Amino acid sequence: DCVMPTRNGRNGMLFTWNGVMNMRNSKWAEDFSPIDPAGASFVDRTYSKAYLHHLFIAKEMFAAMVASEHNLAFYLDLVRAAREHIGAGDFASWKEVTVKRISSRL
């Protein structure tokens, strides 16, 4: 058990399959695309990056809730994918590629 997805979410950090986003960064202020169109959570396709950025800048409590839900759903999906690759016998190669991709800063 780990508090990382929710603690980082409360501070504006979102984990995605393409990398890590800091939602307090002004680059998201005009990005009206979904938080994560391929995300597993309702919030990923419902709210835009610009809206979530606004919530964090305005210090709205809802920002932490949305980010936490997103991060928890992402980590559940990450663990599901890891299990699939363990079962398929290609976990080591999948992990090498995946860690590089999801660790990059967006």
C-alpha atoms as a PDB file:
ATOM      1  CA  ASP A   1       0.000   0.000   0.000  1.00  0.00           C
ATOM      2  CA  CYS A   2       1.339   3.412  -0.924  1.00  0.00           C
ATOM      3  CA  VAL A   3       0.169   7.001  -0.581  1.00  0.00           C
ATOM      4  CA  MET A   4       2.150   8.144  -3.625  1.00  0.00           C
ATOM      5  CA  PRO A   5      -0.747   8.403  -6.137  1.00  0.00           C
ATOM      6  CA  THR A   6      -2.912  10.494  -3.812  1.00  0.00           C
ATOM      7  CA  ARG A   7      -0.155  12.566  -2.209  1.00  0.00           C
ATOM      8  CA  ASN A   8       1.320  13.487  -5.581  1.00  0.00           C
ATOM      9  CA  GLY A   9      -2.158  14.053  -6.986  1.00  0.00           C
ATOM     10  CA  ARG A  10      -2.969  16.518  -4.213  1.00  0.00           C
ATOM     11  CA  ASN A  11       0.169  18.419  -5.203  1.00  0.00           C
ATOM     12  CA  GLY A  12      -0.742  18.585  -8.896  1.00  0.00           C
ATOM     13  CA  MET A  13       1.343  15.705 -10.244  1.00  0.00           C
ATOM     14  CA  LEU A  14      -0.438  13.320 -12.614  1.00  0.00           C
ATOM     15  CA  PHE A  15       0.995  10.045 -13.873  1.00  0.00           C
ATOM     16  CA  THR A  16       0.129   8.937 -17.419  1.00  0.00           C
ATOM     17  CA  TRP A  17       1.300   6.345 -19.926  1.00  0.00           C
ATOM     18  CA  ASN A  18       3.116   9.177 -21.731  1.00  0.00           C
ATOM     19  CA  GLY A  19       4.829  10.667 -18.687  1.00  0.00           C
ATOM     20  CA  VAL A  20       4.319  12.845 -15.638  1.00  0.00           C
ATOM     21  CA  MET A  21       2.359  16.110 -15.790  1.00  0.00           C
ATOM     22  CA  ASN A  22       2.625  18.953 -13.283  1.00  0.00           C
ATOM     23  CA  MET A  23      -0.828  20.498 -13.500  1.00  0.00           C
ATOM     24  CA  ARG A  24       0.349  23.720 -11.828  1.00  0.00           C
ATOM     25  CA  ASN A  25       2.555  24.393 -14.865  1.00  0.00           C
ATOM     26  CA  SER A  26       1.181  27.220 -17.029  1.00  0.00           C
ATOM     27  CA  LYS A  27       1.657  25.141 -20.192  1.00  0.00           C
ATOM     28  CA  TRP A  28      -1.631  23.377 -19.335  1.00  0.00           C
ATOM     29  CA  ALA A  29      -3.646  26.623 -18.979  1.00  0.00           C
ATOM     30  CA  GLU A  30      -4.831  26.595 -22.606  1.00  0.00           C
ATOM     31  CA  ASP A  31      -4.855  22.833 -23.221  1.00  0.00           C
ATOM     32  CA  PHE A  32      -8.518  21.882 -23.441  1.00  0.00           C
ATOM     33  CA  SER A  33      -7.849  18.258 -24.342  1.00  0.00           C
ATOM     34  CA  PRO A  34      -8.935  15.553 -21.874  1.00  0.00           C
ATOM     35  CA  ILE A  35      -6.613  14.811 -18.955  1.00  0.00           C
ATOM     36  CA  ASP A  36      -5.903  11.404 -20.499  1.00  0.00           C
ATOM     37  CA  PRO A  37      -8.056  10.301 -23.457  1.00  0.00           C
ATOM     38  CA  ALA A  38      -6.859   6.709 -23.013  1.00  0.00           C
ATOM     39  CA  GLY A  39      -7.251   6.787 -19.230  1.00  0.00           C
ATOM     40  CA  ALA A  40      -9.217   4.220 -17.277  1.00  0.00           C
ATOM     41  CA  SER A  41     -11.064   6.712 -15.069  1.00  0.00           C
ATOM     42  CA  PHE A  42     -14.195   8.788 -15.615  1.00  0.00           C
ATOM     43  CA  VAL A  43     -12.252  11.970 -14.813  1.00  0.00           C
ATOM     44  CA  ASP A  44      -9.679  11.267 -17.538  1.00  0.00           C
ATOM     45  CA  ARG A  45     -12.145  11.796 -20.348  1.00  0.00           C
ATOM     46  CA  THR A  46     -14.472  14.243 -18.592  1.00  0.00           C
ATOM     47  CA  TYR A  47     -12.197  17.089 -17.488  1.00  0.00           C
ATOM     48  CA  SER A  48      -9.648  19.006 -19.525  1.00  0.00           C
ATOM     49  CA  LYS A  49      -6.062  19.746 -18.587  1.00  0.00           C
ATOM     50  CA  ALA A  50      -6.910  23.473 -18.638  1.00  0.00           C
ATOM     51  CA  TYR A  51      -9.788  22.961 -16.207  1.00  0.00           C
ATOM     52  CA  LEU A  52      -7.662  20.921 -13.827  1.00  0.00           C
ATOM     53  CA  HIS A  53      -4.867  23.498 -14.081  1.00  0.00           C
ATOM     54  CA  HIS A  54      -7.391  26.213 -13.177  1.00  0.00           C
ATOM     55  CA  LEU A  55      -8.624  24.202 -10.182  1.00  0.00           C
ATOM     56  CA  PHE A  56      -5.092  23.851  -8.826  1.00  0.00           C
ATOM     57  CA  ILE A  57      -4.247  27.532  -9.356  1.00  0.00           C
ATOM     58  CA  ALA A  58      -7.541  28.535  -7.680  1.00  0.00           C
ATOM     59  CA  LYS A  59      -6.736  26.130  -4.801  1.00  0.00           C
ATOM     60  CA  GLU A  60     -10.032  24.307  -5.223  1.00  0.00           C
ATOM     61  CA  MET A  61     -10.323  21.098  -3.186  1.00  0.00           C
ATOM     62  CA  PHE A  62     -11.899  19.410  -6.212  1.00  0.00           C
ATOM     63  CA  ALA A  63      -8.497  19.541  -7.969  1.00  0.00           C
ATOM     64  CA  ALA A  64      -6.995  17.122  -5.453  1.00  0.00           C
ATOM     65  CA  MET A  65      -9.988  14.812  -5.763  1.00  0.00           C
ATOM     66  CA  VAL A  66      -9.800  14.661  -9.571  1.00  0.00           C
ATOM     67  CA  ALA A  67      -6.018  14.202  -9.597  1.00  0.00           C
ATOM     68  CA  SER A  68      -6.165  11.495  -6.921  1.00  0.00           C
ATOM     69  CA  GLU A  69      -8.851   9.562  -8.787  1.00  0.00           C
ATOM     70  CA  HIS A  70      -6.836   9.809 -11.997  1.00  0.00           C
ATOM     71  CA  ASN A  71      -3.605   8.621 -10.344  1.00  0.00           C
ATOM     72  CA  LEU A  72      -5.290   5.716  -8.537  1.00  0.00           C
ATOM     73  CA  ALA A  73      -6.896   4.558 -11.797  1.00  0.00           C
ATOM     74  CA  PHE A  74      -3.555   4.892 -13.600  1.00  0.00           C
ATOM     75  CA  TYR A  75      -1.733   2.792 -11.007  1.00  0.00           C
ATOM     76  CA  LEU A  76      -4.428   0.119 -11.094  1.00  0.00           C
ATOM     77  CA  ASP A  77      -4.053   0.002 -14.884  1.00  0.00           C
ATOM     78  CA  LEU A  78      -0.246  -0.104 -14.584  1.00  0.00           C
ATOM     79  CA  VAL A  79      -0.393  -3.074 -12.196  1.00  0.00           C
ATOM     80  CA  ARG A  80      -2.943  -4.824 -14.443  1.00  0.00           C
ATOM     81  CA  ALA A  81      -0.597  -4.424 -17.415  1.00  0.00           C
ATOM     82  CA  ALA A  82       2.371  -5.657 -15.373  1.00  0.00           C
ATOM     83  CA  ARG A  83       0.430  -8.794 -14.419  1.00  0.00           C
ATOM     84  CA  GLU A  84      -0.384  -9.433 -18.082  1.00  0.00           C
ATOM     85  CA  HIS A  85       3.273  -9.139 -19.078  1.00  0.00           C
ATOM     86  CA  ILE A  86       4.415 -11.355 -16.209  1.00  0.00           C
ATOM     87  CA  GLY A  87       1.964 -13.986 -17.432  1.00  0.00           C
ATOM     88  CA  ALA A  88       3.123 -13.551 -21.023  1.00  0.00           C
ATOM     89  CA  GLY A  89       6.762 -13.947 -19.974  1.00  0.00           C
ATOM     90  CA  ASP A  90       7.932 -10.603 -21.372  1.00  0.00           C
ATOM     91  CA  PHE A  91       7.841  -8.479 -18.217  1.00  0.00           C
ATOM     92  CA  ALA A  92      11.538  -7.493 -18.257  1.00  0.00           C
ATOM     93  CA  SER A  93      11.429  -5.971 -21.747  1.00  0.00           C
ATOM     94  CA  TRP A  94       8.026  -4.346 -21.127  1.00  0.00           C
ATOM     95  CA  LYS A  95       9.262  -2.848 -17.857  1.00  0.00           C
ATOM     96  CA  GLU A  96      12.370  -1.346 -19.466  1.00  0.00           C
ATOM     97  CA  VAL A  97      10.340   0.482 -22.119  1.00  0.00           C
ATOM     98  CA  THR A  98       7.464   1.406 -19.817  1.00  0.00           C
ATOM     99  CA  VAL A  99       9.554   2.879 -16.994  1.00  0.00           C
ATOM    100  CA  LYS A 100      11.362   5.175 -19.446  1.00  0.00           C
ATOM    101  CA  ARG A 101       8.096   6.325 -21.002  1.00  0.00           C
ATOM    102  CA  ILE A 102       6.060   6.920 -17.840  1.00  0.00           C
ATOM    103  CA  SER A 103       8.975   8.606 -16.030  1.00  0.00           C
ATOM    104  CA  SER A 104       9.461  11.361 -18.602  1.00  0.00           C
ATOM    105  CA  ARG A 105       8.253  14.867 -17.739  1.00  0.00           C
ATOM    106  CA  LEU A 106       5.571  16.343 -19.962  1.00  0.00           C
END
